[in-house]
PDB file of N, CA and C in Angstrom:
ATOM      1  N   UNK A   1      -8.957  22.333  14.328  1.00  0.00           N
ATOM      2  CA  UNK A   1      -8.142  21.392  13.577  1.00  0.00           C
ATOM      3  C   UNK A   1      -6.694  21.883  13.501  1.00  0.00           C
ATOM      4  N   UNK A   2      -6.528  23.175  13.295  1.00  0.00           N
ATOM      5  CA  UNK A   2      -5.178  23.734  13.218  1.00  0.00           C
ATOM      6  C   UNK A   2      -4.439  23.562  14.536  1.00  0.00           C
ATOM      7  N   UNK A   3      -5.168  23.674  15.651  1.00  0.00           N
ATOM      8  CA  UNK A   3      -4.533  23.475  16.954  1.00  0.00           C
ATOM      9  C   UNK A   3      -4.062  22.036  17.110  1.00  0.00           C
ATOM     10  N   UNK A   4      -4.839  21.085  16.620  1.00  0.00           N
ATOM     11  CA  UNK A   4      -4.444  19.679  16.689  1.00  0.00           C
ATOM     12  C   UNK A   4      -3.195  19.409  15.877  1.00  0.00           C
ATOM     13  N   UNK A   5      -3.112  20.006  14.699  1.00  0.00           N
ATOM     14  CA  UNK A   5      -1.925  19.836  13.855  1.00  0.00           C
ATOM     15  C   UNK A   5      -0.720  20.480  14.515  1.00  0.00           C
ATOM     16  N   UNK A   6      -0.928  21.660  15.093  1.00  0.00           N
ATOM     17  CA  UNK A   6       0.167  22.344  15.788  1.00  0.00           C
ATOM     18  C   UNK A   6       0.645  21.522  16.976  1.00  0.00           C
ATOM     19  N   UNK A   7      -0.286  20.937  17.710  1.00  0.00           N
ATOM     20  CA  UNK A   7       0.075  20.109  18.859  1.00  0.00           C
ATOM     21  C   UNK A   7       0.860  18.882  18.408  1.00  0.00           C
ATOM     22  N   UNK A   8       0.440  18.249  17.321  1.00  0.00           N
ATOM     23  CA  UNK A   8       1.176  17.092  16.797  1.00  0.00           C
ATOM     24  C   UNK A   8       2.566  17.498  16.332  1.00  0.00           C
ATOM     25  N   UNK A   9       2.676  18.683  15.729  1.00  0.00           N
ATOM     26  CA  UNK A   9       3.960  19.147  15.193  1.00  0.00           C
ATOM     27  C   UNK A   9       4.968  19.386  16.304  1.00  0.00           C
ATOM     28  N   UNK A  10       4.493  19.906  17.442  1.00  0.00           N
ATOM     29  CA  UNK A  10       5.397  20.229  18.550  1.00  0.00           C
ATOM     30  C   UNK A  10       5.712  19.020  19.416  1.00  0.00           C
ATOM     31  N   UNK A  11       4.816  18.053  19.464  1.00  0.00           N
ATOM     32  CA  UNK A  11       5.000  16.872  20.299  1.00  0.00           C
ATOM     33  C   UNK A  11       5.943  15.898  19.601  1.00  0.00           C
ATOM     34  N   UNK A  12       6.893  15.341  20.331  1.00  0.00           N
ATOM     35  CA  UNK A  12       7.874  14.415  19.740  1.00  0.00           C
ATOM     36  C   UNK A  12       7.187  13.170  19.172  1.00  0.00           C
ATOM     37  N   UNK A  13       6.256  12.605  19.919  1.00  0.00           N
ATOM     38  CA  UNK A  13       5.524  11.428  19.443  1.00  0.00           C
ATOM     39  C   UNK A  13       4.660  11.797  18.238  1.00  0.00           C
ATOM     40  N   UNK A  14       4.055  12.964  18.286  1.00  0.00           N
ATOM     41  CA  UNK A  14       3.234  13.419  17.166  1.00  0.00           C
ATOM     42  C   UNK A  14       4.062  13.632  15.917  1.00  0.00           C
ATOM     43  N   UNK A  15       5.282  14.117  16.093  1.00  0.00           N
ATOM     44  CA  UNK A  15       6.167  14.322  14.956  1.00  0.00           C
ATOM     45  C   UNK A  15       6.488  12.986  14.297  1.00  0.00           C
ATOM     46  N   UNK A  16       6.697  11.966  15.097  1.00  0.00           N
ATOM     47  CA  UNK A  16       6.935  10.631  14.551  1.00  0.00           C
ATOM     48  C   UNK A  16       5.717  10.161  13.764  1.00  0.00           C
ATOM     49  N   UNK A  17       4.529  10.436  14.278  1.00  0.00           N
ATOM     50  CA  UNK A  17       3.301  10.061  13.584  1.00  0.00           C
ATOM     51  C   UNK A  17       3.205  10.772  12.242  1.00  0.00           C
ATOM     52  N   UNK A  18       3.531  12.045  12.225  1.00  0.00           N
ATOM     53  CA  UNK A  18       3.493  12.818  10.979  1.00  0.00           C
ATOM     54  C   UNK A  18       4.515  12.268   9.993  1.00  0.00           C
ATOM     55  N   UNK A  19       5.697  11.917  10.467  1.00  0.00           N
ATOM     56  CA  UNK A  19       6.729  11.360   9.581  1.00  0.00           C
ATOM     57  C   UNK A  19       6.258  10.052   8.957  1.00  0.00           C
ATOM     58  N   UNK A  20       5.654   9.176   9.760  1.00  0.00           N
ATOM     59  CA  UNK A  20       5.147   7.916   9.216  1.00  0.00           C
ATOM     60  C   UNK A  20       4.010   8.153   8.226  1.00  0.00           C
ATOM     61  N   UNK A  21       3.165   9.134   8.490  1.00  0.00           N
ATOM     62  CA  UNK A  21       2.074   9.450   7.567  1.00  0.00           C
ATOM     63  C   UNK A  21       2.626   9.952   6.236  1.00  0.00           C
ATOM     64  N   UNK A  22       3.644  10.817   6.287  1.00  0.00           N
ATOM     65  CA  UNK A  22       4.262  11.308   5.051  1.00  0.00           C
ATOM     66  C   UNK A  22       4.938  10.175   4.289  1.00  0.00           C
ATOM     67  N   UNK A  23       5.592   9.275   5.006  1.00  0.00           N
ATOM     68  CA  UNK A  23       6.231   8.126   4.371  1.00  0.00           C
ATOM     69  C   UNK A  23       5.190   7.245   3.684  1.00  0.00           C
ATOM     70  N   UNK A  24       4.057   7.046   4.336  1.00  0.00           N
ATOM     71  CA  UNK A  24       2.986   6.249   3.750  1.00  0.00           C
ATOM     72  C   UNK A  24       2.436   6.916   2.493  1.00  0.00           C
ATOM     73  N   UNK A  25       2.227   8.225   2.542  1.00  0.00           N
ATOM     74  CA  UNK A  25       1.706   8.954   1.381  1.00  0.00           C
ATOM     75  C   UNK A  25       2.686   8.873   0.218  1.00  0.00           C
ATOM     76  N   UNK A  26       3.973   9.060   0.501  1.00  0.00           N
ATOM     77  CA  UNK A  26       4.972   8.989  -0.570  1.00  0.00           C
ATOM     78  C   UNK A  26       5.033   7.580  -1.160  1.00  0.00           C
ATOM     79  N   UNK A  27       4.905   6.556  -0.325  1.00  0.00           N
ATOM     80  CA  UNK A  27       4.919   5.181  -0.819  1.00  0.00           C
ATOM     81  C   UNK A  27       3.724   4.918  -1.724  1.00  0.00           C
ATOM     82  N   UNK A  28       2.571   5.433  -1.348  1.00  0.00           N
ATOM     83  CA  UNK A  28       1.371   5.252  -2.165  1.00  0.00           C
ATOM     84  C   UNK A  28       1.527   5.964  -3.503  1.00  0.00           C
ATOM     85  N   UNK A  29       2.088   7.163  -3.504  1.00  0.00           N
ATOM     86  CA  UNK A  29       2.295   7.906  -4.750  1.00  0.00           C
ATOM     87  C   UNK A  29       3.256   7.155  -5.663  1.00  0.00           C
ATOM     88  N   UNK A  30       4.343   6.636  -5.111  1.00  0.00           N
ATOM     89  CA  UNK A  30       5.312   5.879  -5.917  1.00  0.00           C
ATOM     90  C   UNK A  30       4.664   4.613  -6.466  1.00  0.00           C
ATOM     91  N   UNK A  31       3.922   3.904  -5.635  1.00  0.00           N
ATOM     92  CA  UNK A  31       3.262   2.679  -6.088  1.00  0.00           C
ATOM     93  C   UNK A  31       2.234   2.986  -7.177  1.00  0.00           C
ATOM     94  N   UNK A  32       1.468   4.048  -7.009  1.00  0.00           N
ATOM     95  CA  UNK A  32       0.467   4.421  -8.000  1.00  0.00           C
ATOM     96  C   UNK A  32       1.122   4.797  -9.322  1.00  0.00           C
ATOM     97  N   UNK A  33       2.208   5.556  -9.253  1.00  0.00           N
ATOM     98  CA  UNK A  33       2.926   5.954 -10.466  1.00  0.00           C
ATOM     99  C   UNK A  33       3.505   4.738 -11.175  1.00  0.00           C
ATOM    100  N   UNK A  34       4.091   3.828 -10.421  1.00  0.00           N
ATOM    101  CA  UNK A  34       4.639   2.608 -11.018  1.00  0.00           C
ATOM    102  C   UNK A  34       3.526   1.777 -11.647  1.00  0.00           C
ATOM    103  N   UNK A  35       2.393   1.680 -10.967  1.00  0.00           N
ATOM    104  CA  UNK A  35       1.258   0.909 -11.485  1.00  0.00           C
ATOM    105  C   UNK A  35       0.775   1.515 -12.803  1.00  0.00           C
ATOM    106  N   UNK A  36       0.675   2.839 -12.857  1.00  0.00           N
ATOM    107  CA  UNK A  36       0.227   3.507 -14.073  1.00  0.00           C
ATOM    108  C   UNK A  36       1.236   3.331 -15.207  1.00  0.00           C
ATOM    109  N   UNK A  37       2.513   3.435 -14.897  1.00  0.00           N
ATOM    110  CA  UNK A  37       3.553   3.318 -15.918  1.00  0.00           C
ATOM    111  C   UNK A  37       3.632   1.898 -16.458  1.00  0.00           C
ATOM    112  N   UNK A  38       3.646   0.932 -15.568  1.00  0.00           N
ATOM    113  CA  UNK A  38       3.764  -0.459 -16.000  1.00  0.00           C
ATOM    114  C   UNK A  38       2.463  -0.986 -16.592  1.00  0.00           C
ATOM    115  N   UNK A  39       1.345  -0.404 -16.196  1.00  0.00           N
ATOM    116  CA  UNK A  39       0.056  -0.838 -16.719  1.00  0.00           C
ATOM    117  C   UNK A  39      -0.161  -0.433 -18.165  1.00  0.00           C
ATOM    118  N   UNK A  40       0.574   0.550 -18.644  1.00  0.00           N
ATOM    119  CA  UNK A  40       0.409   1.011 -20.016  1.00  0.00           C
ATOM    120  C   UNK A  40       1.139   0.116 -21.007  1.00  0.00           C
ATOM    121  N   UNK A  41       1.994  -0.741 -20.530  1.00  0.00           N
ATOM    122  CA  UNK A  41       2.784  -1.586 -21.432  1.00  0.00           C
ATOM    123  C   UNK A  41       2.081  -2.867 -21.748  1.00  0.00           C
TER     124      UNK A  41
END
């Protein structure tokens, strides 16, 4: 598994995939936080 992550990290296309995955995770965290904050009101 570590070799696969290393290969993705070094590959230009893989790096783009990792960037999109991080963007998706951050979007989900922001949406979840907003949902929790607004849901309490």
